[in-house]
Amino acid sequence: MRYFTNVHDLGDLKSALAEAFEIKKDRYKYETLGKHKTCLLIFFNNSLRTRLSTQKAARN
């Protein structure tokens, strides 16, 4: 999948979840998965806690 902007872009939700669980099992195996990728964060409401937790997740 090149671009993901909507949950409907996934196609098969079960296979996407299976892949996510596989990545979560051994996260160091996939260290380069997000290399040279950009994560865009858009916040419509002022929520510092939400912004900080999402930024932390994007960096990991």
PDB file of N, CA and C in Angstrom:
ATOM      1  N   MET A   1       0.851  -1.166   0.000  1.00  0.00           N
ATOM      2  CA  MET A   1       0.000   0.000   0.000  1.00  0.00           C
ATOM      3  C   MET A   1       0.900   1.233   0.000  1.00  0.00           C
ATOM      4  N   ARG A   2       0.722   2.066  -0.962  1.00  0.00           N
ATOM      5  CA  ARG A   2       1.567   3.255  -1.071  1.00  0.00           C
ATOM      6  C   ARG A   2       1.031   4.404  -0.217  1.00  0.00           C
ATOM      7  N   TYR A   3      -0.254   4.655  -0.278  1.00  0.00           N
ATOM      8  CA  TYR A   3      -0.849   5.755   0.480  1.00  0.00           C
ATOM      9  C   TYR A   3      -1.985   5.221   1.332  1.00  0.00           C
ATOM     10  N   PHE A   4      -2.078   5.702   2.551  1.00  0.00           N
ATOM     11  CA  PHE A   4      -3.160   5.325   3.449  1.00  0.00           C
ATOM     12  C   PHE A   4      -3.769   6.605   3.994  1.00  0.00           C
ATOM     13  N   THR A   5      -4.950   6.930   3.536  1.00  0.00           N
ATOM     14  CA  THR A   5      -5.624   8.139   4.010  1.00  0.00           C
ATOM     15  C   THR A   5      -6.975   7.840   4.635  1.00  0.00           C
ATOM     16  N   ASN A   6      -7.434   6.603   4.509  1.00  0.00           N
ATOM     17  CA  ASN A   6      -8.763   6.248   4.960  1.00  0.00           C
ATOM     18  C   ASN A   6      -8.761   4.768   5.323  1.00  0.00           C
ATOM     19  N   VAL A   7      -9.577   4.376   6.275  1.00  0.00           N
ATOM     20  CA  VAL A   7      -9.647   2.966   6.659  1.00  0.00           C
ATOM     21  C   VAL A   7     -10.101   2.092   5.489  1.00  0.00           C
ATOM     22  N   HIS A   8     -10.822   2.667   4.544  1.00  0.00           N
ATOM     23  CA  HIS A   8     -11.278   1.909   3.382  1.00  0.00           C
ATOM     24  C   HIS A   8     -10.138   1.622   2.403  1.00  0.00           C
ATOM     25  N   ASP A   9      -8.998   2.301   2.566  1.00  0.00           N
ATOM     26  CA  ASP A   9      -7.831   2.038   1.721  1.00  0.00           C
ATOM     27  C   ASP A   9      -7.172   0.702   2.055  1.00  0.00           C
ATOM     28  N   LEU A  10      -7.507   0.136   3.208  1.00  0.00           N
ATOM     29  CA  LEU A  10      -6.881  -1.114   3.630  1.00  0.00           C
ATOM     30  C   LEU A  10      -7.253  -2.295   2.746  1.00  0.00           C
ATOM     31  N   GLY A  11      -8.458  -2.331   2.267  1.00  0.00           N
ATOM     32  CA  GLY A  11      -8.897  -3.493   1.498  1.00  0.00           C
ATOM     33  C   GLY A  11      -9.357  -4.589   2.445  1.00  0.00           C
ATOM     34  N   ASP A  12      -8.445  -5.485   2.827  1.00  0.00           N
ATOM     35  CA  ASP A  12      -8.768  -6.593   3.721  1.00  0.00           C
ATOM     36  C   ASP A  12      -8.284  -6.268   5.133  1.00  0.00           C
ATOM     37  N   LEU A  13      -9.211  -5.973   6.018  1.00  0.00           N
ATOM     38  CA  LEU A  13      -8.877  -5.565   7.379  1.00  0.00           C
ATOM     39  C   LEU A  13      -8.177  -6.682   8.145  1.00  0.00           C
ATOM     40  N   LYS A  14      -8.609  -7.922   7.950  1.00  0.00           N
ATOM     41  CA  LYS A  14      -8.007  -9.048   8.678  1.00  0.00           C
ATOM     42  C   LYS A  14      -6.534  -9.216   8.338  1.00  0.00           C
ATOM     43  N   SER A  15      -6.185  -9.086   7.068  1.00  0.00           N
ATOM     44  CA  SER A  15      -4.775  -9.237   6.696  1.00  0.00           C
ATOM     45  C   SER A  15      -3.947  -8.058   7.202  1.00  0.00           C
ATOM     46  N   ALA A  16      -4.540  -6.868   7.248  1.00  0.00           N
ATOM     47  CA  ALA A  16      -3.833  -5.701   7.783  1.00  0.00           C
ATOM     48  C   ALA A  16      -3.567  -5.879   9.278  1.00  0.00           C
ATOM     49  N   LEU A  17      -4.545  -6.401  10.009  1.00  0.00           N
ATOM     50  CA  LEU A  17      -4.357  -6.648  11.438  1.00  0.00           C
ATOM     51  C   LEU A  17      -3.339  -7.751  11.678  1.00  0.00           C
ATOM     52  N   ALA A  18      -3.369  -8.792  10.860  1.00  0.00           N
ATOM     53  CA  ALA A  18      -2.385  -9.879  10.987  1.00  0.00           C
ATOM     54  C   ALA A  18      -0.972  -9.352  10.769  1.00  0.00           C
ATOM     55  N   GLU A  19      -0.808  -8.486   9.789  1.00  0.00           N
ATOM     56  CA  GLU A  19       0.504  -7.891   9.525  1.00  0.00           C
ATOM     57  C   GLU A  19       0.939  -6.994  10.684  1.00  0.00           C
ATOM     58  N   ALA A  20       0.006  -6.251  11.255  1.00  0.00           N
ATOM     59  CA  ALA A  20       0.320  -5.385  12.396  1.00  0.00           C
ATOM     60  C   ALA A  20       0.765  -6.209  13.601  1.00  0.00           C
ATOM     61  N   PHE A  21       0.090  -7.331  13.859  1.00  0.00           N
ATOM     62  CA  PHE A  21       0.483  -8.200  14.972  1.00  0.00           C
ATOM     63  C   PHE A  21       1.857  -8.819  14.728  1.00  0.00           C
ATOM     64  N   GLU A  22       2.152  -9.170  13.492  1.00  0.00           N
ATOM     65  CA  GLU A  22       3.459  -9.724  13.135  1.00  0.00           C
ATOM     66  C   GLU A  22       4.565  -8.695  13.383  1.00  0.00           C
ATOM     67  N   ILE A  23       4.328  -7.466  12.998  1.00  0.00           N
ATOM     68  CA  ILE A  23       5.311  -6.398  13.215  1.00  0.00           C
ATOM     69  C   ILE A  23       5.485  -6.136  14.708  1.00  0.00           C
ATOM     70  N   LYS A  24       4.385  -6.181  15.459  1.00  0.00           N
ATOM     71  CA  LYS A  24       4.450  -5.893  16.891  1.00  0.00           C
ATOM     72  C   LYS A  24       5.196  -6.981  17.660  1.00  0.00           C
ATOM     73  N   LYS A  25       5.156  -8.222  17.166  1.00  0.00           N
ATOM     74  CA  LYS A  25       5.844  -9.320  17.841  1.00  0.00           C
ATOM     75  C   LYS A  25       7.344  -9.080  17.944  1.00  0.00           C
ATOM     76  N   ASP A  26       7.944  -8.620  16.868  1.00  0.00           N
ATOM     77  CA  ASP A  26       9.393  -8.392  16.839  1.00  0.00           C
ATOM     78  C   ASP A  26       9.657  -7.068  16.142  1.00  0.00           C
ATOM     79  N   ARG A  27       9.488  -5.983  16.893  1.00  0.00           N
ATOM     80  CA  ARG A  27       9.571  -4.665  16.272  1.00  0.00           C
ATOM     81  C   ARG A  27      10.971  -4.326  15.777  1.00  0.00           C
ATOM     82  N   TYR A  28      12.004  -4.950  16.342  1.00  0.00           N
ATOM     83  CA  TYR A  28      13.368  -4.651  15.894  1.00  0.00           C
ATOM     84  C   TYR A  28      13.682  -5.306  14.552  1.00  0.00           C
ATOM     85  N   LYS A  29      12.917  -6.315  14.188  1.00  0.00           N
ATOM     86  CA  LYS A  29      13.079  -6.957  12.881  1.00  0.00           C
ATOM     87  C   LYS A  29      12.688  -5.995  11.758  1.00  0.00           C
ATOM     88  N   TYR A  30      11.790  -5.078  12.070  1.00  0.00           N
ATOM     89  CA  TYR A  30      11.258  -4.154  11.067  1.00  0.00           C
ATOM     90  C   TYR A  30      11.707  -2.716  11.333  1.00  0.00           C
ATOM     91  N   GLU A  31      12.905  -2.535  11.877  1.00  0.00           N
ATOM     92  CA  GLU A  31      13.381  -1.191  12.232  1.00  0.00           C
ATOM     93  C   GLU A  31      13.398  -0.224  11.055  1.00  0.00           C
ATOM     94  N   THR A  32      13.690  -0.713   9.873  1.00  0.00           N
ATOM     95  CA  THR A  32      13.810   0.172   8.710  1.00  0.00           C
ATOM     96  C   THR A  32      12.480   0.371   7.981  1.00  0.00           C
ATOM     97  N   LEU A  33      11.407  -0.181   8.513  1.00  0.00           N
ATOM     98  CA  LEU A  33      10.106  -0.104   7.848  1.00  0.00           C
ATOM     99  C   LEU A  33       9.649   1.333   7.620  1.00  0.00           C
ATOM    100  N   GLY A  34       9.865   2.210   8.588  1.00  0.00           N
ATOM    101  CA  GLY A  34       9.425   3.597   8.443  1.00  0.00           C
ATOM    102  C   GLY A  34      10.525   4.555   8.014  1.00  0.00           C
ATOM    103  N   LYS A  35      11.681   4.010   7.681  1.00  0.00           N
ATOM    104  CA  LYS A  35      12.808   4.862   7.298  1.00  0.00           C
ATOM    105  C   LYS A  35      12.495   5.597   5.997  1.00  0.00           C
ATOM    106  N   HIS A  36      12.813   6.874   5.968  1.00  0.00           N
ATOM    107  CA  HIS A  36      12.567   7.745   4.814  1.00  0.00           C
ATOM    108  C   HIS A  36      11.073   7.908   4.513  1.00  0.00           C
ATOM    109  N   LYS A  37      10.249   7.782   5.549  1.00  0.00           N
ATOM    110  CA  LYS A  37       8.805   7.976   5.412  1.00  0.00           C
ATOM    111  C   LYS A  37       8.419   9.220   6.206  1.00  0.00           C
ATOM    112  N   THR A  38       7.296   9.801   5.877  1.00  0.00           N
ATOM    113  CA  THR A  38       6.797  10.982   6.569  1.00  0.00           C
ATOM    114  C   THR A  38       5.467  10.658   7.223  1.00  0.00           C
ATOM    115  N   CYS A  39       5.306  11.090   8.453  1.00  0.00           N
ATOM    116  CA  CYS A  39       4.045  10.916   9.163  1.00  0.00           C
ATOM    117  C   CYS A  39       3.427  12.301   9.344  1.00  0.00           C
ATOM    118  N   LEU A  40       2.253  12.505   8.814  1.00  0.00           N
ATOM    119  CA  LEU A  40       1.582  13.797   8.888  1.00  0.00           C
ATOM    120  C   LEU A  40       0.580  13.780  10.033  1.00  0.00           C
ATOM    121  N   LEU A  41       0.680  14.767  10.902  1.00  0.00           N
ATOM    122  CA  LEU A  41      -0.233  14.884  12.028  1.00  0.00           C
ATOM    123  C   LEU A  41      -1.060  16.149  11.869  1.00  0.00           C
ATOM    124  N   ILE A  42      -2.381  15.999  11.876  1.00  0.00           N
ATOM    125  CA  ILE A  42      -3.287  17.146  11.773  1.00  0.00           C
ATOM    126  C   ILE A  42      -4.202  17.128  12.992  1.00  0.00           C
ATOM    127  N   PHE A  43      -4.216  18.217  13.732  1.00  0.00           N
ATOM    128  CA  PHE A  43      -5.066  18.322  14.908  1.00  0.00           C
ATOM    129  C   PHE A  43      -6.007  19.502  14.734  1.00  0.00           C
ATOM    130  N   PHE A  44      -7.289  19.223  14.818  1.00  0.00           N
ATOM    131  CA  PHE A  44      -8.292  20.264  14.648  1.00  0.00           C
ATOM    132  C   PHE A  44      -8.677  20.910  15.975  1.00  0.00           C
ATOM    133  N   ASN A  45      -8.402  20.225  17.084  1.00  0.00           N
ATOM    134  CA  ASN A  45      -8.694  20.767  18.410  1.00  0.00           C
ATOM    135  C   ASN A  45      -7.397  20.868  19.200  1.00  0.00           C
ATOM    136  N   ASN A  46      -7.341  21.802  20.114  1.00  0.00           N
ATOM    137  CA  ASN A  46      -6.157  21.965  20.958  1.00  0.00           C
ATOM    138  C   ASN A  46      -6.182  20.933  22.078  1.00  0.00           C
ATOM    139  N   SER A  47      -5.434  19.879  21.917  1.00  0.00           N
ATOM    140  CA  SER A  47      -5.324  18.852  22.940  1.00  0.00           C
ATOM    141  C   SER A  47      -3.861  18.455  23.045  1.00  0.00           C
ATOM    142  N   LEU A  48      -3.188  18.997  24.030  1.00  0.00           N
ATOM    143  CA  LEU A  48      -1.758  18.759  24.182  1.00  0.00           C
ATOM    144  C   LEU A  48      -1.462  17.284  24.428  1.00  0.00           C
ATOM    145  N   ARG A  49      -2.265  16.629  25.248  1.00  0.00           N
ATOM    146  CA  ARG A  49      -2.033  15.218  25.561  1.00  0.00           C
ATOM    147  C   ARG A  49      -2.143  14.354  24.310  1.00  0.00           C
ATOM    148  N   THR A  50      -3.154  14.594  23.493  1.00  0.00           N
ATOM    149  CA  THR A  50      -3.321  13.831  22.258  1.00  0.00           C
ATOM    150  C   THR A  50      -2.181  14.104  21.297  1.00  0.00           C
ATOM    151  N   ARG A  51      -1.797  15.353  21.158  1.00  0.00           N
ATOM    152  CA  ARG A  51      -0.719  15.708  20.236  1.00  0.00           C
ATOM    153  C   ARG A  51       0.595  15.069  20.661  1.00  0.00           C
ATOM    154  N   LEU A  52       0.918  15.161  21.943  1.00  0.00           N
ATOM    155  CA  LEU A  52       2.181  14.611  22.428  1.00  0.00           C
ATOM    156  C   LEU A  52       2.227  13.094  22.306  1.00  0.00           C
ATOM    157  N   SER A  53       1.136  12.418  22.640  1.00  0.00           N
ATOM    158  CA  SER A  53       1.137  10.957  22.552  1.00  0.00           C
ATOM    159  C   SER A  53       1.218  10.492  21.103  1.00  0.00           C
ATOM    160  N   THR A  54       0.595  11.209  20.188  1.00  0.00           N
ATOM    161  CA  THR A  54       0.665  10.844  18.774  1.00  0.00           C
ATOM    162  C   THR A  54       2.050  11.118  18.207  1.00  0.00           C
ATOM    163  N   GLN A  55       2.664  12.211  18.603  1.00  0.00           N
ATOM    164  CA  GLN A  55       4.028  12.502  18.155  1.00  0.00           C
ATOM    165  C   GLN A  55       4.998  11.440  18.658  1.00  0.00           C
ATOM    166  N   LYS A  56       4.835  11.021  19.894  1.00  0.00           N
ATOM    167  CA  LYS A  56       5.696   9.979  20.469  1.00  0.00           C
ATOM    168  C   LYS A  56       5.535   8.681  19.692  1.00  0.00           C
ATOM    169  N   ALA A  57       4.306   8.318  19.369  1.00  0.00           N
ATOM    170  CA  ALA A  57       4.057   7.090  18.609  1.00  0.00           C
ATOM    171  C   ALA A  57       4.657   7.176  17.215  1.00  0.00           C
ATOM    172  N   ALA A  58       4.589   8.334  16.592  1.00  0.00           N
ATOM    173  CA  ALA A  58       5.125   8.495  15.240  1.00  0.00           C
ATOM    174  C   ALA A  58       6.647   8.391  15.226  1.00  0.00           C
ATOM    175  N   ARG A  59       7.282   8.822  16.298  1.00  0.00           N
ATOM    176  CA  ARG A  59       8.751   8.759  16.360  1.00  0.00           C
ATOM    177  C   ARG A  59       9.249   7.349  16.618  1.00  0.00           C
ATOM    178  N   ASN A  60       8.430   6.514  17.247  1.00  0.00           N
ATOM    179  CA  ASN A  60       8.858   5.142  17.564  1.00  0.00           C
ATOM    180  C   ASN A  60       8.582   4.275  16.438  1.00  0.00           C
TER     181      ASN A  60
END
